[in-house]
C-alpha atoms as a PDB file:
ATOM      1  CA  UNK A   1      11.592  29.690  79.851  1.00  0.00           C
ATOM      2  CA  UNK A   2       9.661  26.607  78.834  1.00  0.00           C
ATOM      3  CA  UNK A   3       7.133  25.028  81.168  1.00  0.00           C
ATOM      4  CA  UNK A   4       7.663  21.283  81.689  1.00  0.00           C
ATOM      5  CA  UNK A   5       4.937  18.904  82.941  1.00  0.00           C
ATOM      6  CA  UNK A   6       5.707  15.399  84.148  1.00  0.00           C
ATOM      7  CA  UNK A   7       3.006  12.915  83.123  1.00  0.00           C
ATOM      8  CA  UNK A   8       4.601   9.859  84.695  1.00  0.00           C
ATOM      9  CA  UNK A   9       8.029   8.754  85.851  1.00  0.00           C
ATOM     10  CA  UNK A  10       8.784   5.272  87.085  1.00  0.00           C
ATOM     11  CA  UNK A  11      12.576   5.552  87.053  1.00  0.00           C
ATOM     12  CA  UNK A  12      15.433   7.284  85.211  1.00  0.00           C
ATOM     13  CA  UNK A  13      14.577   5.547  81.928  1.00  0.00           C
ATOM     14  CA  UNK A  14      10.824   5.285  81.889  1.00  0.00           C
ATOM     15  CA  UNK A  15       9.088   8.629  81.859  1.00  0.00           C
ATOM     16  CA  UNK A  16       6.842  10.884  79.807  1.00  0.00           C
ATOM     17  CA  UNK A  17       7.035  14.675  79.917  1.00  0.00           C
ATOM     18  CA  UNK A  18       5.350  17.539  78.092  1.00  0.00           C
ATOM     19  CA  UNK A  19       7.159  20.821  77.355  1.00  0.00           C
ATOM     20  CA  UNK A  20       5.050  23.873  76.513  1.00  0.00           C
ATOM     21  CA  UNK A  21       6.969  26.147  74.154  1.00  0.00           C
ATOM     22  CA  UNK A  22       4.574  28.926  73.343  1.00  0.00           C
ATOM     23  CA  UNK A  23       1.796  27.358  71.266  1.00  0.00           C
ATOM     24  CA  UNK A  24       3.800  24.188  70.621  1.00  0.00           C
ATOM     25  CA  UNK A  25       3.586  21.121  72.838  1.00  0.00           C
ATOM     26  CA  UNK A  26       6.491  18.683  72.781  1.00  0.00           C
ATOM     27  CA  UNK A  27       5.878  15.235  74.288  1.00  0.00           C
ATOM     28  CA  UNK A  28       9.013  13.289  75.177  1.00  0.00           C
ATOM     29  CA  UNK A  29       8.569   9.622  75.873  1.00  0.00           C
ATOM     30  CA  UNK A  30      11.674   7.932  77.270  1.00  0.00           C
ATOM     31  CA  UNK A  31      11.709   4.142  77.559  1.00  0.00           C
ATOM     32  CA  UNK A  32      14.414   1.587  78.392  1.00  0.00           C
ATOM     33  CA  UNK A  33      13.144  -0.533  75.462  1.00  0.00           C
ATOM     34  CA  UNK A  34      12.843   2.032  72.652  1.00  0.00           C
ATOM     35  CA  UNK A  35      14.912   4.991  73.768  1.00  0.00           C
ATOM     36  CA  UNK A  36      13.490   8.477  73.370  1.00  0.00           C
ATOM     37  CA  UNK A  37      10.569   9.408  71.139  1.00  0.00           C
ATOM     38  CA  UNK A  38       9.583  13.010  70.585  1.00  0.00           C
ATOM     39  CA  UNK A  39       6.189  14.137  69.350  1.00  0.00           C
ATOM     40  CA  UNK A  40       5.395  17.746  68.460  1.00  0.00           C
ATOM     41  CA  UNK A  41       1.829  19.063  68.540  1.00  0.00           C
ATOM     42  CA  UNK A  42       0.540  22.488  67.512  1.00  0.00           C
ATOM     43  CA  UNK A  43      -2.681  22.280  69.582  1.00  0.00           C
ATOM     44  CA  UNK A  44      -3.849  20.805  72.868  1.00  0.00           C
ATOM     45  CA  UNK A  45      -6.739  18.863  71.295  1.00  0.00           C
ATOM     46  CA  UNK A  46      -4.282  17.224  68.874  1.00  0.00           C
ATOM     47  CA  UNK A  47      -2.075  16.149  71.850  1.00  0.00           C
ATOM     48  CA  UNK A  48      -5.128  14.833  73.781  1.00  0.00           C
ATOM     49  CA  UNK A  49      -6.218  12.829  70.735  1.00  0.00           C
ATOM     50  CA  UNK A  50      -2.740  11.278  70.498  1.00  0.00           C
ATOM     51  CA  UNK A  51      -2.809  10.476  74.235  1.00  0.00           C
ATOM     52  CA  UNK A  52      -6.235   8.750  73.900  1.00  0.00           C
ATOM     53  CA  UNK A  53      -4.870   6.643  70.990  1.00  0.00           C
ATOM     54  CA  UNK A  54      -1.530   5.913  72.677  1.00  0.00           C
ATOM     55  CA  UNK A  55      -3.059   4.911  76.050  1.00  0.00           C
ATOM     56  CA  UNK A  56      -6.082   2.892  74.849  1.00  0.00           C
ATOM     57  CA  UNK A  57      -8.483   1.524  77.458  1.00  0.00           C
ATOM     58  CA  UNK A  58      -8.084  -2.043  76.041  1.00  0.00           C
ATOM     59  CA  UNK A  59      -4.346  -1.918  76.826  1.00  0.00           C
ATOM     60  CA  UNK A  60      -5.043  -1.012  80.461  1.00  0.00           C
ATOM     61  CA  UNK A  61      -7.627  -3.693  81.324  1.00  0.00           C
ATOM     62  CA  UNK A  62      -7.480  -4.166  85.069  1.00  0.00           C
ATOM     63  CA  UNK A  63      -5.401  -0.972  85.456  1.00  0.00           C
ATOM     64  CA  UNK A  64      -8.038   1.638  84.674  1.00  0.00           C
ATOM     65  CA  UNK A  65      -6.852   3.875  87.544  1.00  0.00           C
ATOM     66  CA  UNK A  66      -3.348   4.091  86.006  1.00  0.00           C
ATOM     67  CA  UNK A  67      -4.758   5.050  82.585  1.00  0.00           C
ATOM     68  CA  UNK A  68      -7.160   7.651  84.051  1.00  0.00           C
ATOM     69  CA  UNK A  69      -4.297   9.227  86.002  1.00  0.00           C
ATOM     70  CA  UNK A  70      -2.219   9.505  82.816  1.00  0.00           C
ATOM     71  CA  UNK A  71      -5.097  11.005  80.779  1.00  0.00           C
ATOM     72  CA  UNK A  72      -6.009  13.460  83.518  1.00  0.00           C
ATOM     73  CA  UNK A  73      -2.334  14.579  83.718  1.00  0.00           C
ATOM     74  CA  UNK A  74      -2.469  15.292  79.957  1.00  0.00           C
ATOM     75  CA  UNK A  75      -5.701  17.300  80.447  1.00  0.00           C
ATOM     76  CA  UNK A  76      -3.998  19.445  83.130  1.00  0.00           C
ATOM     77  CA  UNK A  77      -1.327  20.620  80.673  1.00  0.00           C
END
């Protein structure tokens, strides 16, 4: 059984989840604009580095609380 973590979900088409499959972490990003993107990581630090790059602070100017909630959800995985 794989453990699934929900990072955020705004509706049926905009969500980000992380599946833990043993040592492998699979991040699924579903968007109504781009469809589904799947990223596979072999370590937690690699996934956290990707999350820091994907959710840059400059992109969330004025919405720092939203970004910090997303990053803290990744750190809880």
